[in-house]
Amino acid sequence: MTRKGEREILKKEKMAGGDGHVLIEHLLNEEQRGRASGMFSEVTLEPGCTLGFHDHHGESETYYILTGEGIYQDNDIEYPVKPGDVTFCDDGNAHGLKNTGSDDLKFIALILKK
């Protein structure tokens, strides 16, 4: 079990070549996730920040948008995202996310290994 306020929040500058920084709060550590999951985290993009466009090999990544609004890039197509939306980047594909709002864009990121 992990508890809010007890988990470390990591600040990653220019993640995947993005603008600004990304805040990552791992909800489960590597041991708890096991071999099937590369990440299960709450991620925050503050206003003006982006998670750069990047690809996935041997894994997929899903985002569940909690708060804020932004633009999700799925390969060559961009989509607006808001709370409740779910995005999926399959193995061999690429994606990125940009906070376009005035509030924090928070989402759960889940990476599953193939």
Protein backbone atom coordinates (compact mmCIF):
# COMPACT_ATOMS: atom_id res chain seq x y z
CA MET A 1 0.00 0.00 0.00
CA THR A 2 1.13 3.54 -0.71
CA ARG A 3 -0.39 6.77 0.61
CA LYS A 4 -0.78 10.24 -0.83
CA GLY A 5 1.76 12.56 0.78
CA GLU A 6 4.18 9.71 1.48
CA ARG A 7 5.18 9.04 -2.14
CA GLU A 8 8.10 10.90 -3.70
CA ILE A 9 7.32 13.33 -6.53
CA LEU A 10 10.05 13.46 -9.18
CA LYS A 11 10.60 16.54 -11.33
CA LYS A 12 11.85 15.73 -14.84
CA GLU A 13 13.04 18.63 -16.99
CA LYS A 14 12.31 18.54 -20.74
CA MET A 15 10.99 14.97 -20.56
CA ALA A 16 11.18 13.28 -23.98
CA GLY A 17 12.33 16.63 -25.39
CA GLY A 18 9.25 18.48 -24.14
CA ASP A 19 8.99 22.04 -22.82
CA GLY A 20 9.28 22.82 -19.13
CA HIS A 21 9.04 19.95 -16.69
CA VAL A 22 6.90 16.98 -15.73
CA LEU A 23 6.05 15.94 -12.16
CA ILE A 24 5.83 12.16 -11.65
CA GLU A 25 4.41 10.47 -8.57
CA HIS A 26 4.92 6.71 -8.84
CA LEU A 27 1.83 5.06 -7.31
CA LEU A 28 3.59 1.70 -7.16
CA ASN A 29 7.32 1.05 -7.03
CA GLU A 30 9.15 -1.31 -9.38
CA GLU A 31 8.83 -4.30 -7.04
CA GLN A 32 5.08 -3.75 -6.59
CA ARG A 33 4.50 -3.36 -10.36
CA GLY A 34 6.32 -6.57 -11.25
CA ARG A 35 7.60 -7.40 -14.73
CA ALA A 36 4.40 -6.64 -16.64
CA SER A 37 4.22 -2.90 -15.90
CA GLY A 38 6.83 -0.25 -16.67
CA MET A 39 4.91 2.56 -14.97
CA PHE A 40 1.80 3.24 -12.93
CA SER A 41 2.00 6.90 -11.93
CA GLU A 42 0.16 10.18 -11.51
CA VAL A 43 1.75 12.69 -13.85
CA THR A 44 1.32 16.47 -13.72
CA LEU A 45 1.96 18.95 -16.53
CA GLU A 46 1.77 22.50 -15.23
CA PRO A 47 0.47 25.23 -17.58
CA GLY A 48 2.71 25.61 -20.64
CA CYS A 49 4.54 22.32 -20.04
CA THR A 50 4.66 19.38 -22.44
CA LEU A 51 5.60 15.73 -22.40
CA GLY A 52 7.54 15.46 -25.65
CA PHE A 53 6.61 13.27 -28.59
CA HIS A 54 8.11 9.80 -28.04
CA ASP A 55 7.67 6.25 -29.26
CA HIS A 56 7.10 2.93 -27.54
CA HIS A 57 8.74 -0.39 -28.39
CA GLY A 58 7.81 -3.60 -26.60
CA GLU A 59 5.16 -1.81 -24.54
CA SER A 60 1.97 0.25 -24.67
CA GLU A 61 1.03 3.37 -22.69
CA THR A 62 -2.39 4.54 -21.55
CA TYR A 63 -3.27 7.95 -20.08
CA TYR A 64 -6.40 8.55 -18.01
CA ILE A 65 -6.96 12.32 -17.78
CA LEU A 66 -7.90 13.48 -14.26
CA THR A 67 -7.81 17.31 -14.42
CA GLY A 68 -7.03 20.10 -16.85
CA GLU A 69 -7.06 20.21 -20.61
CA GLY A 70 -4.55 19.70 -23.34
CA ILE A 71 -3.65 18.42 -26.76
CA TYR A 72 -2.72 14.75 -27.17
CA GLN A 73 -0.64 13.86 -30.22
CA ASP A 74 -1.28 10.32 -31.45
CA ASN A 75 1.28 9.69 -34.18
CA ASP A 76 0.37 12.39 -36.75
CA ILE A 77 -3.06 13.34 -35.34
CA GLU A 78 -3.80 15.79 -32.50
CA TYR A 79 -6.83 15.51 -30.21
CA PRO A 80 -8.09 17.81 -27.44
CA VAL A 81 -8.27 15.98 -24.08
CA LYS A 82 -10.17 16.72 -20.86
CA PRO A 83 -11.03 14.92 -17.59
CA GLY A 84 -12.40 11.43 -18.15
CA ASP A 85 -10.68 10.91 -21.50
CA VAL A 86 -8.45 7.86 -22.02
CA THR A 87 -5.66 7.72 -24.60
CA PHE A 88 -3.82 4.61 -25.78
CA CYS A 89 -0.45 4.36 -27.51
CA ASP A 90 0.20 0.83 -28.75
CA ASP A 91 3.55 -0.86 -29.26
CA GLY A 92 5.39 0.66 -32.23
CA ASN A 93 3.49 3.96 -32.09
CA ALA A 94 4.32 7.43 -30.75
CA HIS A 95 2.57 10.12 -28.72
CA GLY A 96 2.99 13.35 -26.75
CA LEU A 97 0.90 15.63 -24.55
CA LYS A 98 0.71 19.40 -24.08
CA ASN A 99 -1.05 21.36 -21.34
CA THR A 100 -3.00 24.09 -23.15
CA GLY A 101 -5.03 25.25 -20.16
CA SER A 102 -4.47 27.57 -17.20
CA ASP A 103 -4.67 24.73 -14.63
CA ASP A 104 -2.53 21.66 -14.03
CA LEU A 105 -3.11 18.78 -16.43
CA LYS A 106 -3.00 15.60 -14.30
CA PHE A 107 -3.29 12.06 -15.56
CA ILE A 108 -2.60 8.47 -14.64
CA ALA A 109 0.04 6.86 -16.87
CA LEU A 110 0.16 3.09 -17.23
CA ILE A 111 2.87 1.36 -19.24
CA LEU A 112 2.30 -2.34 -19.93
CA LYS A 113 5.12 -4.45 -21.33
CA LYS A 114 4.45 -6.86 -24.17
